[in-house]
C-alpha atoms as a PDB file:
ATOM      1  CA  MET A   1      47.025  80.826  98.490  1.00  0.00           C
ATOM      2  CA  LYS A   2      48.157  77.487  99.925  1.00  0.00           C
ATOM      3  CA  THR A   3      50.642  76.865  97.252  1.00  0.00           C
ATOM      4  CA  ARG A   4      52.037  80.430  97.284  1.00  0.00           C
ATOM      5  CA  ARG A   5      52.365  79.564 101.054  1.00  0.00           C
ATOM      6  CA  TYR A   6      54.018  76.112 100.922  1.00  0.00           C
ATOM      7  CA  LEU A   7      56.502  77.816  97.896  1.00  0.00           C
ATOM      8  CA  LEU A   8      57.286  80.332 100.255  1.00  0.00           C
ATOM      9  CA  LEU A   9      58.156  78.255 103.251  1.00  0.00           C
ATOM     10  CA  VAL A  10      59.956  75.816 100.807  1.00  0.00           C
ATOM     11  CA  SER A  11      62.421  78.096  99.716  1.00  0.00           C
ATOM     12  CA  LEU A  12      62.504  79.753 103.206  1.00  0.00           C
ATOM     13  CA  LEU A  13      63.941  76.458 104.624  1.00  0.00           C
ATOM     14  CA  ALA A  14      65.987  76.122 101.114  1.00  0.00           C
ATOM     15  CA  SER A  15      68.146  79.182 102.556  1.00  0.00           C
ATOM     16  CA  LEU A  16      68.501  78.250 105.939  1.00  0.00           C
ATOM     17  CA  PRO A  17      71.860  76.716 105.455  1.00  0.00           C
ATOM     18  CA  CYS A  18      72.787  79.363 103.928  1.00  0.00           C
ATOM     19  CA  LEU A  19      72.003  81.697 106.711  1.00  0.00           C
ATOM     20  CA  ALA A  20      73.354  79.617 109.649  1.00  0.00           C
ATOM     21  CA  ALA A  21      77.245  79.138 107.393  1.00  0.00           C
ATOM     22  CA  ASP A  22      79.786  80.969 109.561  1.00  0.00           C
ATOM     23  CA  THR A  23      82.089  83.230 107.616  1.00  0.00           C
ATOM     24  CA  PHE A  24      86.205  83.784 108.862  1.00  0.00           C
ATOM     25  CA  ARG A  25      88.850  86.068 107.641  1.00  0.00           C
ATOM     26  CA  VAL A  26      91.751  84.355 107.030  1.00  0.00           C
ATOM     27  CA  SER A  27      95.521  85.942 107.680  1.00  0.00           C
ATOM     28  CA  SER A  28      98.244  84.035 105.757  1.00  0.00           C
ATOM     29  CA  SER A  29     101.938  84.433 105.103  1.00  0.00           C
ATOM     30  CA  VAL A  30     103.628  82.172 102.744  1.00  0.00           C
ATOM     31  CA  PHE A  31     107.761  81.490 103.072  1.00  0.00           C
ATOM     32  CA  LYS A  32     110.052  79.703 100.544  1.00  0.00           C
ATOM     33  CA  SER A  33     113.206  79.083 101.746  1.00  0.00           C
ATOM     34  CA  GLY A  34     112.591  81.798 105.006  1.00  0.00           C
ATOM     35  CA  GLU A  35     112.061  84.687 102.379  1.00  0.00           C
ATOM     36  CA  LEU A  36     108.535  86.040 102.497  1.00  0.00           C
ATOM     37  CA  VAL A  37     106.825  84.870  99.378  1.00  0.00           C
ATOM     38  CA  GLU A  38     102.784  86.160  99.519  1.00  0.00           C
ATOM     39  CA  SER A  39     100.787  87.307 102.552  1.00  0.00           C
ATOM     40  CA  PRO A  40      97.162  86.411 101.380  1.00  0.00           C
ATOM     41  CA  VAL A  41      94.115  87.821 103.122  1.00  0.00           C
ATOM     42  CA  MET A  42      90.751  86.152 102.941  1.00  0.00           C
ATOM     43  CA  ILE A  43      87.171  86.023 103.641  1.00  0.00           C
ATOM     44  CA  VAL A  44      86.259  82.451 103.565  1.00  0.00           C
ATOM     45  CA  GLU A  45      82.661  80.581 103.966  1.00  0.00           C
ATOM     46  CA  GLU A  46      82.752  77.641 106.093  1.00  0.00           C
ATOM     47  CA  GLY A  47      83.098  74.720 103.864  1.00  0.00           C
ATOM     48  CA  LYS A  48      83.615  76.415 100.329  1.00  0.00           C
ATOM     49  CA  MET A  49      87.308  76.451  98.869  1.00  0.00           C
ATOM     50  CA  ALA A  50      88.632  79.948  98.546  1.00  0.00           C
ATOM     51  CA  TYR A  51      91.607  80.258  96.147  1.00  0.00           C
ATOM     52  CA  MET A  52      94.223  82.681  94.698  1.00  0.00           C
ATOM     53  CA  THR A  53      96.482  83.037  92.600  1.00  0.00           C
ATOM     54  CA  VAL A  54      99.628  85.198  91.756  1.00  0.00           C
ATOM     55  CA  GLY A  55     101.501  85.196  88.525  1.00  0.00           C
ATOM     56  CA  ASP A  56     102.591  81.968  87.253  1.00  0.00           C
ATOM     57  CA  ASP A  57     104.560  81.174  90.367  1.00  0.00           C
ATOM     58  CA  PHE A  58     102.028  81.530  93.337  1.00  0.00           C
ATOM     59  CA  ARG A  59      98.659  79.246  94.111  1.00  0.00           C
ATOM     60  CA  TYR A  60      96.854  79.073  97.481  1.00  0.00           C
ATOM     61  CA  GLU A  61      93.566  77.729  98.231  1.00  0.00           C
ATOM     62  CA  LEU A  62      92.061  76.095 101.180  1.00  0.00           C
ATOM     63  CA  THR A  63      88.629  75.590 103.124  1.00  0.00           C
ATOM     64  CA  VAL A  64      87.703  76.564 106.967  1.00  0.00           C
ATOM     65  CA  SER A  65      85.446  74.030 108.873  1.00  0.00           C
ATOM     66  CA  PRO A  66      84.534  74.895 112.345  1.00  0.00           C
ATOM     67  CA  LYS A  67      85.347  72.116 114.575  1.00  0.00           C
ATOM     68  CA  GLN A  68      84.420  71.516 118.508  1.00  0.00           C
ATOM     69  CA  GLY A  69      85.241  74.727 120.962  1.00  0.00           C
ATOM     70  CA  GLU A  70      87.165  77.543 119.363  1.00  0.00           C
ATOM     71  CA  THR A  71      88.810  75.975 116.808  1.00  0.00           C
ATOM     72  CA  VAL A  72      88.980  75.260 113.165  1.00  0.00           C
ATOM     73  CA  GLU A  73      90.097  72.889 110.671  1.00  0.00           C
ATOM     74  CA  VAL A  74      92.410  74.514 107.699  1.00  0.00           C
ATOM     75  CA  GLN A  75      93.197  72.162 104.646  1.00  0.00           C
ATOM     76  CA  ALA A  76      95.432  73.913 102.159  1.00  0.00           C
ATOM     77  CA  ALA A  77      97.051  73.904  98.924  1.00  0.00           C
ATOM     78  CA  VAL A  78     100.163  75.591  98.502  1.00  0.00           C
ATOM     79  CA  GLU A  79     101.730  75.661  95.213  1.00  0.00           C
ATOM     80  CA  VAL A  80     104.919  78.519  95.583  1.00  0.00           C
ATOM     81  CA  GLY A  81     106.777  77.470  91.680  1.00  0.00           C
ATOM     82  CA  LYS A  82     107.310  73.633  91.320  1.00  0.00           C
ATOM     83  CA  SER A  83     106.892  73.155  95.043  1.00  0.00           C
ATOM     84  CA  VAL A  84     103.480  71.869  96.495  1.00  0.00           C
ATOM     85  CA  ILE A  85     102.417  71.365 100.022  1.00  0.00           C
ATOM     86  CA  ASN A  86      98.771  70.120 101.510  1.00  0.00           C
ATOM     87  CA  PRO A  87      98.831  70.517 105.025  1.00  0.00           C
ATOM     88  CA  THR A  88      95.843  69.887 107.337  1.00  0.00           C
ATOM     89  CA  LEU A  89      96.172  72.840 110.560  1.00  0.00           C
ATOM     90  CA  THR A  90      93.874  72.468 113.606  1.00  0.00           C
ATOM     91  CA  VAL A  91      93.599  76.521 114.006  1.00  0.00           C
ATOM     92  CA  PHE A  92      92.200  78.043 118.010  1.00  0.00           C
ATOM     93  CA  TYR A  93      90.610  81.639 116.854  1.00  0.00           C
ATOM     94  CA  ASP A  94      92.639  84.161 116.743  1.00  0.00           C
ATOM     95  CA  LYS A  95      96.216  82.437 117.518  1.00  0.00           C
ATOM     96  CA  GLU A  96      98.707  82.015 115.204  1.00  0.00           C
ATOM     97  CA  ALA A  97      99.357  78.310 113.747  1.00  0.00           C
ATOM     98  CA  SER A  98     102.123  77.394 111.098  1.00  0.00           C
ATOM     99  CA  VAL A  99     103.762  74.384 109.481  1.00  0.00           C
ATOM    100  CA  GLU A 100     106.666  73.892 107.574  1.00  0.00           C
ATOM    101  CA  ILE A 101     107.268  71.348 104.941  1.00  0.00           C
ATOM    102  CA  ASP A 102     110.334  71.266 102.625  1.00  0.00           C
ATOM    103  CA  GLN A 103     111.470  74.501 102.239  1.00  0.00           C
ATOM    104  CA  THR A 104     107.770  76.179 102.453  1.00  0.00           C
ATOM    105  CA  LYS A 105     106.093  77.440 105.391  1.00  0.00           C
ATOM    106  CA  LEU A 106     102.628  78.139 105.847  1.00  0.00           C
ATOM    107  CA  MET A 107     101.139  80.339 108.920  1.00  0.00           C
ATOM    108  CA  VAL A 108      97.893  81.010 109.284  1.00  0.00           C
ATOM    109  CA  LEU A 109      95.730  83.380 111.770  1.00  0.00           C
ATOM    110  CA  VAL A 110      91.787  82.785 111.788  1.00  0.00           C
ATOM    111  CA  SER A 111      88.868  85.114 113.138  1.00  0.00           C
ATOM    112  CA  LYS A 112      85.561  84.207 112.889  1.00  0.00           C
ATOM    113  CA  LEU A 113      83.080  86.934 111.446  1.00  0.00           C
ATOM    114  CA  GLU A 114      80.071  87.730 113.439  1.00  0.00           C
ATOM    115  CA  ARG A 115      76.997  87.678 111.579  1.00  0.00           C
ATOM    116  CA  LYS A 116      74.643  90.347 110.786  1.00  0.00           C
END
């Protein structure tokens, strides 16, 4: 009986970090030379990389990490054709942020999803 309780307690404690992780909705727009390439929307769990590819010309990956106050850090890698950018942005919740490197522009909007 004690062993069963111990195992239950250990498995419950091991699952707590998963329960505490925040989840975000990230809406993005990627432009190349002023032309819209893609507008991906992803649900991303805190600290875990999410990615998508479209054909052979577009790859997008990002990681979202909460910061103090109402901000998150977004680390991204955007590949459009042979052009690759790897920006890191500090973004306020529900406020659009953007960065442009060479001919590639990334715009992101991050919303924190409520836990159920």
